[in-house]
């Protein structure tokens, strides 16, 4: 990390009311890693001292856990006030994820109960909708580490510098002016065409994406699927991680494995699995999905 940047002192980040009076929020390091580097967002990296460093919108921040498991944050001093304002909404502070998790059907679903116990404190980020869309347009057939490489190249080559050495992602209007070959130079491959076409569409419709995020889930998903390269899974990821639509149930290879191995859904199509997930897990199926996803990746498909 740049040594010449002056960083603010570490401060506590309070996300949800304590589950009981007198208790404090505590996270395990593996759970924090899953939140920041488990496929929801693609701009967090673990630093040499074990803390996490991330960029979103016009913000740069570090995160770490205290010895007691409390979440702490720091930011470049010139951004500290902005980060103090924008970091809690980014973490969907006040949502009460422990209460939502308790409302999932873990009492009658022993596998879900095991997932909840393994990743106690897991939560869903609430990222900028446009950045979420860009990240998941880059995700097709790629692993997390490769998506992170693409996103970082897009930011460094085409995004504005926030503070020295840290760049925000380019806006859709900025991306619309980038040539496809320059997008391919950011390792996007065939995804460059989708990004360019989507950028040109959104650049001419500046309110389209935010309006889409406010529509009912089914209508919002159908609208997103009109964009080049946006299928069922990408649309659900964008709505879950960028619009807070907890009924979205993204289905990727890990969820297909989980549903086959843990729920007997052999040979089911992704769209059928997504419907099962929304029915079985209920209004907060997307939170259940993230627990299932985290557990299955940790288990390595066993």
Protein backbone atom coordinates (compact mmCIF):
# COMPACT_ATOMS: atom_id res chain seq x y z
CA UNK A 1 0.00 0.00 0.00
CA UNK A 2 1.32 3.51 -0.68
CA UNK A 3 3.41 4.54 2.33
CA UNK A 4 3.04 8.27 1.62
CA UNK A 5 -0.71 8.30 2.20
CA UNK A 6 -1.78 9.56 5.61
CA UNK A 7 -4.46 7.28 7.06
CA UNK A 8 -6.96 8.03 9.80
CA UNK A 9 -6.92 6.26 13.13
CA UNK A 10 -8.76 2.94 13.40
CA UNK A 11 -12.40 3.34 14.41
CA UNK A 12 -15.15 0.82 15.18
CA UNK A 13 -17.72 0.05 12.49
CA UNK A 14 -21.08 -0.73 14.08
CA UNK A 15 -23.25 -2.67 11.64
CA UNK A 16 -26.26 -4.03 13.51
CA UNK A 17 -27.79 -3.73 16.96
CA UNK A 18 -26.18 -6.29 19.29
CA UNK A 19 -28.20 -9.52 19.44
CA UNK A 20 -28.61 -9.11 23.20
CA UNK A 21 -28.01 -6.28 25.64
CA UNK A 22 -24.38 -6.09 26.68
CA UNK A 23 -23.08 -8.14 23.73
CA UNK A 24 -20.85 -6.74 21.01
CA UNK A 25 -20.63 -7.62 17.35
CA UNK A 26 -17.92 -10.21 16.64
CA UNK A 27 -16.73 -11.67 13.35
CA UNK A 28 -14.37 -14.54 12.63
CA UNK A 29 -11.56 -13.74 10.17
CA UNK A 30 -12.85 -16.39 7.76
CA UNK A 31 -16.31 -14.79 7.74
CA UNK A 32 -14.92 -11.32 7.06
CA UNK A 33 -12.86 -12.83 4.22
CA UNK A 34 -16.00 -14.44 2.80
CA UNK A 35 -17.89 -11.14 2.90
CA UNK A 36 -15.13 -9.16 1.20
CA UNK A 37 -13.53 -11.75 -1.06
CA UNK A 38 -16.16 -14.44 -1.57
CA UNK A 39 -17.67 -13.25 -4.83
CA UNK A 40 -19.93 -10.40 -3.77
CA UNK A 41 -17.39 -7.65 -4.52
CA UNK A 42 -14.13 -7.64 -6.48
CA UNK A 43 -12.09 -4.70 -5.18
CA UNK A 44 -10.98 -5.88 -1.74
CA UNK A 45 -7.48 -7.28 -1.21
CA UNK A 46 -5.77 -8.65 1.86
CA UNK A 47 -2.64 -6.67 2.76
CA UNK A 48 0.63 -7.89 4.22
CA UNK A 49 -0.45 -7.03 7.77
CA UNK A 50 -3.66 -9.08 7.45
CA UNK A 51 -6.04 -6.14 7.08
CA UNK A 52 -8.27 -5.64 4.05
CA UNK A 53 -8.04 -2.74 1.64
CA UNK A 54 -10.92 -1.88 -0.66
CA UNK A 55 -12.28 0.65 -3.14
CA UNK A 56 -15.86 1.41 -4.10
CA UNK A 57 -17.46 4.49 -5.63
CA UNK A 58 -15.20 7.39 -4.57
CA UNK A 59 -14.13 5.68 -1.34
CA UNK A 60 -10.98 3.92 -0.18
CA UNK A 61 -10.87 2.10 3.15
CA UNK A 62 -9.05 -0.47 5.23
CA UNK A 63 -10.78 -2.97 7.48
CA UNK A 64 -9.46 -5.24 10.21
CA UNK A 65 -10.70 -7.18 13.20
CA UNK A 66 -9.70 -6.37 16.75
CA UNK A 67 -8.51 -9.14 19.03
CA UNK A 68 -12.10 -9.41 20.27
CA UNK A 69 -13.47 -9.75 16.72
CA UNK A 70 -14.88 -6.22 16.41
CA UNK A 71 -14.72 -4.65 12.96
CA UNK A 72 -12.49 -1.56 12.65
CA UNK A 73 -11.98 0.83 9.74
CA UNK A 74 -9.51 3.43 8.57
CA UNK A 75 -9.33 5.64 5.48
CA UNK A 76 -6.99 8.13 3.82
CA UNK A 77 -7.37 11.27 5.92
CA UNK A 78 -8.67 13.29 2.97
CA UNK A 79 -11.48 10.73 2.52
CA UNK A 80 -12.21 9.90 6.16
CA UNK A 81 -15.39 11.98 6.38
CA UNK A 82 -16.76 10.55 3.12
CA UNK A 83 -15.92 6.98 4.13
CA UNK A 84 -17.50 7.45 7.57
CA UNK A 85 -20.71 8.40 5.79
CA UNK A 86 -20.66 5.75 3.04
CA UNK A 87 -19.14 2.69 4.70
CA UNK A 88 -22.15 1.74 6.89
CA UNK A 89 -24.62 1.75 3.92
CA UNK A 90 -22.09 -0.25 1.88
CA UNK A 91 -22.24 -2.90 4.61
CA UNK A 92 -26.05 -2.60 4.78
CA UNK A 93 -25.76 -1.48 8.42
CA UNK A 94 -28.95 -1.76 10.41
CA UNK A 95 -30.38 -4.58 8.29
CA UNK A 96 -30.23 -7.08 11.15
CA UNK A 97 -28.72 -10.04 9.32
CA UNK A 98 -28.69 -12.21 12.44
CA UNK A 99 -32.46 -11.80 12.68
CA UNK A 100 -32.91 -12.50 8.96
CA UNK A 101 -30.73 -15.62 9.20
CA UNK A 102 -32.76 -16.84 12.17
CA UNK A 103 -35.89 -16.46 10.04
CA UNK A 104 -34.54 -18.86 7.40
CA UNK A 105 -35.87 -22.45 7.55
CA UNK A 106 -32.81 -23.88 9.31
CA UNK A 107 -34.94 -25.61 11.93
CA UNK A 108 -36.31 -28.00 9.32
CA UNK A 109 -33.27 -27.92 7.02
CA UNK A 110 -30.22 -29.49 8.71
CA UNK A 111 -27.84 -28.60 5.89
CA UNK A 112 -28.81 -24.93 6.04
CA UNK A 113 -28.37 -25.06 9.83
CA UNK A 114 -24.83 -26.36 9.31
CA UNK A 115 -24.09 -23.56 6.83
CA UNK A 116 -25.37 -20.88 9.22
CA UNK A 117 -23.27 -22.25 12.05
CA UNK A 118 -20.12 -22.38 9.88
CA UNK A 119 -20.38 -18.74 8.77
CA UNK A 120 -22.02 -17.01 11.70
CA UNK A 121 -22.20 -13.26 11.03
CA UNK A 122 -22.18 -13.51 7.22
CA UNK A 123 -23.88 -10.56 5.57
CA UNK A 124 -24.67 -9.17 2.13
CA UNK A 125 -23.00 -6.00 0.89
CA UNK A 126 -25.03 -3.18 -0.68
CA UNK A 127 -22.76 -1.99 -3.45
CA UNK A 128 -23.25 0.75 -6.06
CA UNK A 129 -25.59 -0.73 -8.64
CA UNK A 130 -23.54 0.29 -11.67
CA UNK A 131 -20.31 -1.13 -10.23
CA UNK A 132 -22.09 -4.36 -9.36
CA UNK A 133 -23.36 -4.71 -12.91
CA UNK A 134 -19.87 -4.10 -14.33
CA UNK A 135 -18.32 -6.67 -12.00
CA UNK A 136 -20.76 -9.41 -12.89
CA UNK A 137 -20.64 -8.64 -16.62
CA UNK A 138 -16.95 -9.54 -16.27
CA UNK A 139 -17.71 -12.72 -14.30
CA UNK A 140 -18.84 -15.09 -17.06
CA UNK A 141 -16.77 -18.32 -16.95
CA UNK A 142 -14.17 -16.65 -14.72
CA UNK A 143 -12.97 -17.27 -11.17
CA UNK A 144 -12.93 -14.54 -8.54
CA UNK A 145 -9.19 -13.85 -8.85
CA UNK A 146 -9.53 -13.33 -12.62
CA UNK A 147 -12.54 -11.03 -12.24
CA UNK A 148 -10.56 -8.96 -9.74
CA UNK A 149 -7.73 -8.61 -12.25
CA UNK A 150 -10.12 -7.34 -14.94
CA UNK A 151 -11.81 -4.87 -12.61
CA UNK A 152 -8.50 -3.51 -11.34
CA UNK A 153 -7.22 -2.97 -14.88
CA UNK A 154 -10.43 -1.19 -15.85
CA UNK A 155 -10.07 1.11 -12.86
CA UNK A 156 -6.38 1.88 -13.35
CA UNK A 157 -6.57 2.46 -17.09
CA UNK A 158 -9.97 4.09 -17.46
CA UNK A 159 -11.09 5.30 -14.02
CA UNK A 160 -10.36 8.57 -12.24
CA UNK A 161 -7.73 8.63 -9.49
CA UNK A 162 -9.34 9.14 -6.06
CA UNK A 163 -6.15 9.45 -4.02
CA UNK A 164 -2.62 8.54 -5.13
CA UNK A 165 -2.50 4.95 -6.44
CA UNK A 166 -6.24 4.34 -6.01
CA UNK A 167 -8.68 4.69 -8.89
CA UNK A 168 -12.45 4.50 -8.98
CA UNK A 169 -14.11 2.37 -11.66
CA UNK A 170 -15.03 4.22 -14.85
CA UNK A 171 -18.65 5.31 -15.14
CA UNK A 172 -20.83 3.83 -17.85
CA UNK A 173 -20.56 7.12 -19.75
CA UNK A 174 -16.78 6.91 -19.58
CA UNK A 175 -16.83 3.26 -20.65
CA UNK A 176 -18.98 4.11 -23.66
CA UNK A 177 -16.05 6.08 -25.06
CA UNK A 178 -13.54 3.22 -24.60
CA UNK A 179 -12.77 1.14 -27.69
CA UNK A 180 -13.50 -2.58 -27.57
CA UNK A 181 -9.83 -3.42 -28.18
CA UNK A 182 -8.87 -1.31 -25.15
CA UNK A 183 -11.41 -3.20 -23.05
CA UNK A 184 -9.95 -6.47 -24.33
CA UNK A 185 -6.53 -5.21 -23.23
CA UNK A 186 -7.97 -5.28 -19.69
CA UNK A 187 -8.30 -9.07 -20.08
CA UNK A 188 -12.07 -8.93 -20.71
CA UNK A 189 -11.98 -11.16 -23.78
CA UNK A 190 -15.44 -11.70 -25.28
CA UNK A 191 -16.92 -9.80 -22.32
CA UNK A 192 -15.52 -6.57 -23.78
CA UNK A 193 -18.29 -6.49 -26.35
CA UNK A 194 -20.96 -6.89 -23.66
CA UNK A 195 -19.42 -4.13 -21.54
CA UNK A 196 -19.12 -1.75 -24.47
CA UNK A 197 -22.68 -2.37 -25.72
CA UNK A 198 -24.11 -2.05 -22.21
CA UNK A 199 -22.13 1.15 -21.65
CA UNK A 200 -23.44 2.68 -24.87
CA UNK A 201 -27.00 1.74 -23.90
CA UNK A 202 -26.73 3.16 -20.37
CA UNK A 203 -24.82 6.28 -21.39
CA UNK A 204 -27.87 7.39 -23.34
CA UNK A 205 -30.25 6.51 -20.51
CA UNK A 206 -28.65 7.93 -17.33
CA UNK A 207 -31.56 7.03 -15.01
CA UNK A 208 -32.35 3.61 -16.47
CA UNK A 209 -30.29 1.52 -14.07
CA UNK A 210 -31.42 3.23 -10.86
CA UNK A 211 -35.05 3.08 -12.01
CA UNK A 212 -34.60 -0.63 -12.71
CA UNK A 213 -33.24 -1.23 -9.21
CA UNK A 214 -36.42 0.22 -7.70
CA UNK A 215 -38.85 -1.98 -9.64
CA UNK A 216 -40.45 -5.15 -8.23
CA UNK A 217 -38.00 -8.07 -8.35
CA UNK A 218 -39.42 -9.92 -11.36
CA UNK A 219 -39.76 -6.75 -13.43
CA UNK A 220 -36.30 -5.52 -12.49
CA UNK A 221 -34.78 -8.86 -13.42
CA UNK A 222 -36.53 -8.89 -16.79
CA UNK A 223 -35.27 -5.38 -17.54
CA UNK A 224 -31.69 -6.26 -16.62
CA UNK A 225 -31.82 -9.26 -18.94
CA UNK A 226 -32.36 -6.87 -21.83
CA UNK A 227 -28.72 -5.79 -21.45
CA UNK A 228 -26.05 -7.55 -23.53
CA UNK A 229 -24.43 -10.41 -21.61
CA UNK A 230 -26.91 -10.36 -18.72
CA UNK A 231 -28.52 -13.72 -18.11
CA UNK A 232 -30.41 -15.21 -15.17
CA UNK A 233 -27.41 -15.52 -12.84
CA UNK A 234 -25.88 -12.11 -13.57
CA UNK A 235 -29.24 -10.38 -13.17
CA UNK A 236 -29.82 -12.08 -9.81
CA UNK A 237 -26.31 -11.20 -8.60
CA UNK A 238 -26.76 -7.56 -9.57
CA UNK A 239 -30.11 -7.36 -7.79
CA UNK A 240 -28.91 -9.20 -4.68
CA UNK A 241 -25.58 -7.41 -4.14
CA UNK A 242 -26.37 -4.05 -5.75
CA UNK A 243 -30.06 -3.46 -5.09
CA UNK A 244 -30.67 -5.35 -1.83
CA UNK A 245 -33.25 -7.67 -3.41
CA UNK A 246 -32.98 -10.55 -0.97
CA UNK A 247 -35.47 -12.70 -2.90
CA UNK A 248 -32.92 -13.09 -5.72
CA UNK A 249 -31.29 -16.53 -5.72
CA UNK A 250 -28.26 -16.62 -8.06
CA UNK A 251 -27.40 -20.06 -9.39
CA UNK A 252 -23.79 -20.76 -10.32
CA UNK A 253 -21.72 -23.94 -10.42
CA UNK A 254 -21.35 -24.04 -6.61
CA UNK A 255 -25.09 -23.70 -6.02
CA UNK A 256 -25.79 -26.37 -8.65
CA UNK A 257 -23.40 -28.68 -6.79
CA UNK A 258 -24.95 -27.84 -3.44
CA UNK A 259 -28.50 -28.42 -4.65
CA UNK A 260 -27.54 -31.70 -6.28
CA UNK A 261 -25.53 -33.05 -3.33
CA UNK A 262 -27.50 -31.64 -0.38
CA UNK A 263 -31.06 -31.44 -1.73
CA UNK A 264 -31.18 -34.17 -4.37
CA UNK A 265 -31.92 -31.84 -7.29
CA UNK A 266 -30.15 -34.05 -9.82
CA UNK A 267 -30.46 -32.81 -13.39
CA UNK A 268 -32.38 -29.64 -12.52
CA UNK A 269 -31.88 -26.64 -14.78
CA UNK A 270 -30.53 -23.44 -13.18
CA UNK A 271 -33.88 -21.68 -13.61
CA UNK A 272 -35.64 -24.56 -11.82
CA UNK A 273 -33.06 -24.46 -9.01
CA UNK A 274 -33.55 -20.69 -8.63
CA UNK A 275 -37.33 -21.19 -8.34
CA UNK A 276 -36.83 -23.95 -5.76
CA UNK A 277 -34.49 -21.67 -3.78
CA UNK A 278 -36.97 -18.82 -3.67
CA UNK A 279 -39.80 -21.13 -2.61
CA UNK A 280 -37.86 -23.22 -0.09
CA UNK A 281 -35.86 -20.44 1.58
CA UNK A 282 -38.49 -17.71 1.36
CA UNK A 283 -38.30 -13.94 1.15
CA UNK A 284 -34.60 -13.85 2.11
CA UNK A 285 -33.52 -16.68 -0.18
CA UNK A 286 -30.53 -14.64 -1.35
CA UNK A 287 -29.06 -14.65 2.16
CA UNK A 288 -29.49 -18.42 2.33
CA UNK A 289 -27.81 -18.67 -1.06
CA UNK A 290 -24.74 -16.87 0.23
CA UNK A 291 -24.45 -19.26 3.18
CA UNK A 292 -24.83 -22.26 0.87
CA UNK A 293 -22.30 -20.80 -1.56
CA UNK A 294 -19.73 -20.11 1.16
CA UNK A 295 -20.12 -23.56 2.71
CA UNK A 296 -19.85 -25.39 -0.62
CA UNK A 297 -16.70 -23.54 -1.65
CA UNK A 298 -15.14 -24.27 1.74
CA UNK A 299 -16.09 -27.93 1.42
CA UNK A 300 -14.64 -28.02 -2.09
CA UNK A 301 -17.70 -29.81 -3.43
CA UNK A 302 -17.32 -32.73 -1.00
